[in-house]
Amino acid sequence: MDNRRVTSPTPALLRYYDVKSADGTRIRAWTNDGDGPTVLVSNGLGTNPHAWPSLLRPESGVRVVGWNHRGTGGSARPTDGRVDLDSFVEDAIAVMDDAGIDACVVAAWSTGVTIAFEINARFPGRVTGILAVAGVPGNTFSTMLAPLLVPPLLARSLMVGVSQTVTVTGHALAPLTRRLPWTNVTADLVRQSRFINPAADTAEVRVLLQEFFTTHPAWYAKLAISVSKHARVSLSDVDIPVTFLAAKWDVFTGARHMRTAAQRIKGSRYRELNATHFLPVEFPEIVLDELNELLDRVG
């Protein structure tokens, strides 16, 4: 065990509060109340702020504002069960409006990348730049399993099938997944398995996974199915600074697809790391460096 990676994470000074979305759904928002440029975090599906340790630290130099997806992390499930791209964008806008954010850079991960590009397309001027980490602008399921050389159509079919299955089996799985003992030891086992790169800090992985597994598996599967319906976002009119951070061993978002997206946006920056889909927690310092570089480009 690499003891340098078994630490206590720097305390994240987070403040949680509630925001009402356009359809009345109560959304749990969060912020570090930091000093510096404001950055909206558009998170991965069903994940929590602890995926971004370097942005949460008191010395991050940025004010981050984010939210937890519907039905996760204290956000309510909509009364009509509505979860789709439109509702995700509405939630983001509600959080921005409540925080008094007219326009800002968006740091996005995984599915959050699609949401970030959709906000930019639907609300011109509100997004000044996008840091796209391990995610593509739409059609997410077709990019999955890319390192395993699975064809896009087959990958999409397989992952949709898995998600549909978990909407049923998730009710039986929930008592187990919600009681998993997340300690430094179990988190380190995940690191050593290389599902999450061993470069990640064990304690930071522990906090991330402990929060993530509070979500009911069947509800997470419902969110995933909604994501499968997201078509590829048009990039032809994107005229803001964009940085793509891709991961070589990402089985959820193929680096090749991210590189192709970057090539379609004039002046975009592309960087590929020896990482997995959990890049924000594996290389938090690089993420913060790239965010600062993007903020400099935005001006």
Protein backbone atom coordinates (compact mmCIF):
# COMPACT_ATOMS: atom_id res chain seq x y z
CA MET A 1 0.00 0.00 0.00
CA ASP A 2 1.33 3.43 -0.94
CA ASN A 3 0.99 5.33 2.32
CA ARG A 4 1.38 8.65 0.55
CA ARG A 5 -2.04 7.95 -0.95
CA VAL A 6 -3.77 7.04 2.30
CA THR A 7 -4.43 10.44 3.78
CA SER A 8 -7.23 12.49 5.19
CA PRO A 9 -8.61 14.79 2.50
CA THR A 10 -8.36 18.51 3.05
CA PRO A 11 -11.71 19.45 4.61
CA ALA A 12 -14.11 20.68 1.98
CA LEU A 13 -15.90 23.74 3.32
CA LEU A 14 -19.18 23.13 1.54
CA ARG A 15 -22.51 24.83 2.11
CA TYR A 16 -25.62 23.01 0.94
CA TYR A 17 -28.91 24.73 0.19
CA ASP A 18 -32.09 24.13 -1.79
CA VAL A 19 -33.19 25.66 -5.08
CA LYS A 20 -36.53 25.22 -6.85
CA SER A 21 -36.27 24.22 -10.51
CA ALA A 22 -38.64 25.38 -13.26
CA ASP A 23 -41.05 22.46 -12.73
CA GLY A 24 -41.04 22.89 -8.95
CA THR A 25 -38.57 20.08 -8.17
CA ARG A 26 -36.40 20.82 -5.13
CA ILE A 27 -32.72 20.68 -6.09
CA ARG A 28 -29.89 20.42 -3.56
CA ALA A 29 -27.21 22.93 -4.56
CA TRP A 30 -23.79 23.42 -3.02
CA THR A 31 -20.93 25.90 -2.97
CA ASN A 32 -17.54 26.38 -1.36
CA ASP A 33 -18.23 30.13 -0.97
CA GLY A 34 -14.67 30.61 -2.17
CA ASP A 35 -12.88 33.73 -3.37
CA GLY A 36 -12.05 34.03 -7.03
CA PRO A 37 -13.76 33.50 -10.39
CA THR A 38 -17.10 31.72 -10.26
CA VAL A 39 -17.21 28.25 -11.81
CA LEU A 40 -20.37 26.18 -12.25
CA VAL A 41 -19.75 22.46 -11.78
CA SER A 42 -21.88 20.26 -14.04
CA ASN A 43 -21.26 16.90 -12.46
CA GLY A 44 -21.29 13.32 -13.64
CA LEU A 45 -24.52 11.38 -13.47
CA GLY A 46 -25.67 10.99 -9.88
CA THR A 47 -22.30 11.97 -8.46
CA ASN A 48 -21.44 14.46 -5.74
CA PRO A 49 -19.09 17.43 -5.18
CA HIS A 50 -16.36 15.18 -3.78
CA ALA A 51 -15.50 14.12 -7.34
CA TRP A 52 -13.68 17.50 -7.57
CA PRO A 53 -11.35 17.62 -4.53
CA SER A 54 -9.01 20.30 -5.89
CA LEU A 55 -11.91 22.68 -6.57
CA LEU A 56 -13.35 22.27 -3.07
CA ARG A 57 -10.23 23.01 -1.10
CA PRO A 58 -10.08 26.39 0.65
CA GLU A 59 -7.00 27.32 -1.38
CA SER A 60 -8.57 26.46 -4.75
CA GLY A 61 -8.78 30.11 -5.79
CA VAL A 62 -12.25 29.71 -7.32
CA ARG A 63 -15.82 30.01 -6.16
CA VAL A 64 -17.56 26.82 -7.21
CA VAL A 65 -21.31 26.31 -7.37
CA GLY A 66 -22.92 22.99 -8.27
CA TRP A 67 -25.94 20.80 -7.67
CA ASN A 68 -26.91 17.16 -7.17
CA HIS A 69 -29.01 15.51 -9.85
CA ARG A 70 -32.68 14.84 -9.31
CA GLY A 71 -33.28 12.11 -6.74
CA THR A 72 -29.65 12.02 -5.57
CA GLY A 73 -27.70 13.62 -2.74
CA GLY A 74 -30.67 15.38 -1.15
CA SER A 75 -32.30 16.56 -4.38
CA ALA A 76 -35.94 15.50 -4.58
CA ARG A 77 -37.36 13.14 -7.14
CA PRO A 78 -39.79 15.00 -9.42
CA THR A 79 -43.40 14.17 -8.64
CA ASP A 80 -44.00 13.10 -12.24
CA GLY A 81 -40.71 11.16 -12.45
CA ARG A 82 -39.39 13.52 -15.11
CA VAL A 83 -35.67 13.13 -15.74
CA ASP A 84 -34.35 14.15 -19.14
CA LEU A 85 -31.90 16.55 -20.72
CA ASP A 86 -34.43 19.40 -20.64
CA SER A 87 -34.91 19.00 -16.89
CA PHE A 88 -31.16 18.78 -16.25
CA VAL A 89 -30.63 22.06 -18.12
CA GLU A 90 -33.51 23.67 -16.22
CA ASP A 91 -31.93 22.61 -12.93
CA ALA A 92 -28.60 24.14 -13.94
CA ILE A 93 -30.21 27.44 -14.92
CA ALA A 94 -32.19 27.53 -11.67
CA VAL A 95 -28.97 27.08 -9.68
CA MET A 96 -27.21 29.81 -11.69
CA ASP A 97 -30.10 32.24 -11.27
CA ASP A 98 -30.38 31.58 -7.55
CA ALA A 99 -26.64 32.19 -7.10
CA GLY A 100 -26.78 35.41 -9.12
CA ILE A 101 -24.58 34.01 -11.89
CA ASP A 102 -25.21 35.80 -15.18
CA ALA A 103 -22.37 34.02 -16.99
CA CYS A 104 -19.42 31.83 -16.00
CA VAL A 105 -17.09 29.01 -16.95
CA VAL A 106 -18.54 25.51 -16.55
CA ALA A 107 -16.39 22.62 -15.29
CA ALA A 108 -18.11 19.46 -16.48
CA TRP A 109 -17.52 15.75 -16.04
CA SER A 110 -19.01 12.78 -17.89
CA THR A 111 -22.73 13.37 -18.57
CA GLY A 112 -22.29 16.87 -17.21
CA VAL A 113 -20.38 17.72 -20.40
CA THR A 114 -23.54 17.26 -22.47
CA ILE A 115 -25.45 19.48 -20.05
CA ALA A 116 -22.76 22.18 -20.27
CA PHE A 117 -22.87 22.28 -24.07
CA GLU A 118 -26.67 22.30 -24.04
CA ILE A 119 -26.73 25.29 -21.68
CA ASN A 120 -24.37 27.09 -24.04
CA ALA A 121 -26.57 26.28 -27.06
CA ARG A 122 -29.89 27.16 -25.43
CA PHE A 123 -28.80 30.18 -23.42
CA PRO A 124 -26.19 32.08 -25.47
CA GLY A 125 -23.90 34.23 -23.37
CA ARG A 126 -24.38 32.40 -20.10
CA VAL A 127 -21.43 30.04 -20.57
CA THR A 128 -18.07 31.73 -21.09
CA GLY A 129 -15.96 28.58 -21.34
CA ILE A 130 -16.19 24.81 -20.81
CA LEU A 131 -13.74 22.42 -19.16
CA ALA A 132 -14.95 19.07 -20.50
CA VAL A 133 -13.52 16.22 -18.41
CA ALA A 134 -14.01 12.61 -19.53
CA GLY A 135 -17.20 13.41 -21.41
CA VAL A 136 -18.52 14.16 -24.87
CA PRO A 137 -21.28 16.53 -26.03
CA GLY A 138 -24.12 14.02 -26.32
CA ASN A 139 -24.56 10.45 -27.58
CA THR A 140 -22.70 9.30 -24.49
CA PHE A 141 -23.64 5.62 -24.56
CA SER A 142 -22.18 5.13 -28.03
CA THR A 143 -18.72 6.13 -26.77
CA MET A 144 -18.71 3.60 -23.95
CA LEU A 145 -16.44 0.53 -23.94
CA ALA A 146 -14.20 2.22 -26.54
CA PRO A 147 -10.90 0.97 -25.02
CA LEU A 148 -12.31 -2.56 -25.43
CA LEU A 149 -12.87 -1.87 -29.16
CA VAL A 150 -16.62 -2.42 -28.91
CA PRO A 151 -18.42 -0.84 -31.91
CA PRO A 152 -20.50 2.24 -30.95
CA LEU A 153 -23.92 0.78 -31.86
CA LEU A 154 -23.21 -2.41 -29.93
CA ALA A 155 -21.85 -0.45 -26.96
CA ARG A 156 -24.99 1.65 -26.80
CA SER A 157 -27.23 -1.42 -27.02
CA LEU A 158 -25.31 -3.24 -24.30
CA MET A 159 -25.27 -0.32 -21.87
CA VAL A 160 -28.94 0.50 -22.38
CA GLY A 161 -29.74 -3.15 -21.75
CA VAL A 162 -27.74 -3.15 -18.52
CA SER A 163 -29.47 0.03 -17.35
CA GLN A 164 -32.93 -1.38 -18.10
CA THR A 165 -32.08 -4.51 -16.14
CA VAL A 166 -30.92 -2.52 -13.11
CA THR A 167 -34.21 -0.58 -13.02
CA VAL A 168 -35.69 -3.92 -11.91
CA THR A 169 -32.84 -5.68 -10.10
CA GLY A 170 -31.75 -2.47 -8.38
CA HIS A 171 -34.43 -2.90 -5.73
CA ALA A 172 -32.80 -6.14 -4.64
CA LEU A 173 -29.31 -4.63 -4.84
CA ALA A 174 -30.09 -1.50 -2.82
CA PRO A 175 -29.83 -3.08 0.68
CA LEU A 176 -26.31 -4.24 -0.24
CA THR A 177 -24.97 -1.21 -2.11
CA ARG A 178 -26.24 1.21 0.52
CA ARG A 179 -24.49 -0.71 3.31
CA LEU A 180 -21.08 -1.16 1.71
CA PRO A 181 -18.44 -0.34 4.38
CA TRP A 182 -16.43 2.46 2.79
CA THR A 183 -13.21 2.75 4.73
CA ASN A 184 -9.65 3.57 3.64
CA VAL A 185 -9.10 -0.17 3.21
CA THR A 186 -12.06 -0.80 0.89
CA ALA A 187 -11.41 2.40 -1.04
CA ASP A 188 -7.80 1.34 -1.50
CA LEU A 189 -8.97 -1.99 -2.91
CA VAL A 190 -10.84 -0.06 -5.61
CA ARG A 191 -7.66 1.91 -6.37
CA GLN A 192 -5.53 -1.22 -6.57
CA SER A 193 -8.08 -2.87 -8.89
CA ARG A 194 -7.35 0.03 -11.28
CA PHE A 195 -11.06 0.67 -11.85
CA ILE A 196 -9.98 4.00 -10.38
CA ASN A 197 -6.37 4.89 -11.10
CA PRO A 198 -4.02 4.24 -8.12
CA ALA A 199 -2.86 7.86 -8.48
CA ALA A 200 -6.05 8.88 -6.67
CA ASP A 201 -5.91 9.64 -2.96
CA THR A 202 -7.50 6.77 -1.02
CA ALA A 203 -9.36 8.98 1.44
CA GLU A 204 -10.74 11.17 -1.34
CA VAL A 205 -11.93 8.06 -3.20
CA ARG A 206 -13.56 6.86 0.03
CA VAL A 207 -15.58 10.06 0.46
CA LEU A 208 -16.63 10.08 -3.21
CA LEU A 209 -17.82 6.45 -3.22
CA GLN A 210 -19.45 6.65 0.19
CA GLU A 211 -21.66 9.48 -1.03
CA PHE A 212 -22.27 7.92 -4.45
CA PHE A 213 -23.61 4.65 -3.09
CA THR A 214 -26.34 6.37 -1.08
CA THR A 215 -28.25 6.60 -4.38
CA HIS A 216 -30.76 3.82 -5.06
CA PRO A 217 -29.44 1.66 -7.95
CA ALA A 218 -32.83 1.56 -9.70
CA TRP A 219 -33.08 5.35 -9.68
CA TYR A 220 -29.53 5.68 -10.96
CA ALA A 221 -30.44 3.31 -13.80
CA LYS A 222 -33.45 5.50 -14.62
CA LEU A 223 -31.14 8.51 -14.85
CA ALA A 224 -28.78 6.52 -17.08
CA ILE A 225 -31.56 5.56 -19.48
CA SER A 226 -32.52 9.21 -19.81
CA VAL A 227 -28.91 9.96 -20.74
CA SER A 228 -28.98 7.32 -23.47
CA LYS A 229 -31.53 9.45 -25.32
CA HIS A 230 -29.22 12.46 -25.62
CA ALA A 231 -28.35 13.00 -29.27
CA ARG A 232 -24.97 14.37 -30.30
CA VAL A 233 -24.80 18.11 -29.60
CA SER A 234 -23.96 20.34 -32.56
CA LEU A 235 -20.55 21.97 -32.17
CA SER A 236 -20.54 24.03 -35.35
CA ASP A 237 -21.57 27.24 -33.57
CA VAL A 238 -19.46 26.88 -30.41
CA ASP A 239 -17.39 30.07 -30.18
CA ILE A 240 -16.21 30.01 -26.56
CA PRO A 241 -12.92 28.64 -25.17
CA VAL A 242 -13.15 24.87 -24.56
CA THR A 243 -10.68 22.43 -23.02
CA PHE A 244 -11.12 18.66 -23.34
CA LEU A 245 -9.41 16.45 -20.73
CA ALA A 246 -9.59 12.84 -21.89
CA ALA A 247 -8.52 9.59 -20.22
CA LYS A 248 -6.73 6.83 -22.10
CA TRP A 249 -8.34 4.02 -20.10
CA ASP A 250 -11.85 5.47 -19.90
CA VAL A 251 -14.41 2.69 -20.57
CA PHE A 252 -17.32 5.13 -20.28
CA THR A 253 -16.16 7.90 -22.61
CA GLY A 254 -13.69 6.96 -25.31
CA ALA A 255 -10.77 9.37 -25.67
CA ARG A 256 -10.97 9.09 -29.46
CA HIS A 257 -14.48 10.52 -29.42
CA MET A 258 -13.34 13.41 -27.23
CA ARG A 259 -10.45 14.13 -29.57
CA THR A 260 -12.86 14.20 -32.52
CA ALA A 261 -15.11 16.65 -30.67
CA ALA A 262 -12.14 18.89 -29.91
CA GLN A 263 -11.18 18.94 -33.59
CA ARG A 264 -14.63 20.28 -34.45
CA ILE A 265 -14.26 23.36 -32.22
CA LYS A 266 -11.92 26.05 -33.45
CA GLY A 267 -9.20 26.93 -30.95
CA SER A 268 -10.10 24.20 -28.47
CA ARG A 269 -7.47 22.55 -26.28
CA TYR A 270 -7.16 18.75 -26.02
CA ARG A 271 -5.14 16.85 -23.44
CA GLU A 272 -5.10 13.10 -22.85
CA LEU A 273 -3.96 11.56 -19.55
CA ASN A 274 -3.08 8.05 -18.46
CA ALA A 275 -6.26 7.94 -16.39
CA THR A 276 -9.71 6.37 -16.14
CA HIS A 277 -13.19 7.87 -16.21
CA PHE A 278 -12.62 9.15 -12.66
CA LEU A 279 -9.98 11.61 -13.82
CA PRO A 280 -11.14 14.53 -11.56
CA VAL A 281 -10.32 12.56 -8.40
CA GLU A 282 -7.26 10.82 -9.89
CA PHE A 283 -5.42 13.95 -11.03
CA PRO A 284 -7.08 16.84 -9.17
CA GLU A 285 -4.06 19.13 -9.45
CA ILE A 286 -4.00 18.80 -13.24
CA VAL A 287 -7.73 19.49 -13.35
CA LEU A 288 -7.24 22.70 -11.36
CA ASP A 289 -4.28 23.72 -13.55
CA GLU A 290 -6.32 23.21 -16.71
CA LEU A 291 -9.25 25.11 -15.21
CA ASN A 292 -6.96 28.05 -14.42
CA GLU A 293 -5.53 27.92 -17.94
CA LEU A 294 -9.08 28.04 -19.32
CA LEU A 295 -10.01 30.94 -17.03
CA ASP A 296 -6.98 32.84 -18.38
CA ARG A 297 -8.16 32.23 -21.95
CA VAL A 298 -11.64 33.42 -21.09
CA GLY A 299 -10.14 36.58 -19.57
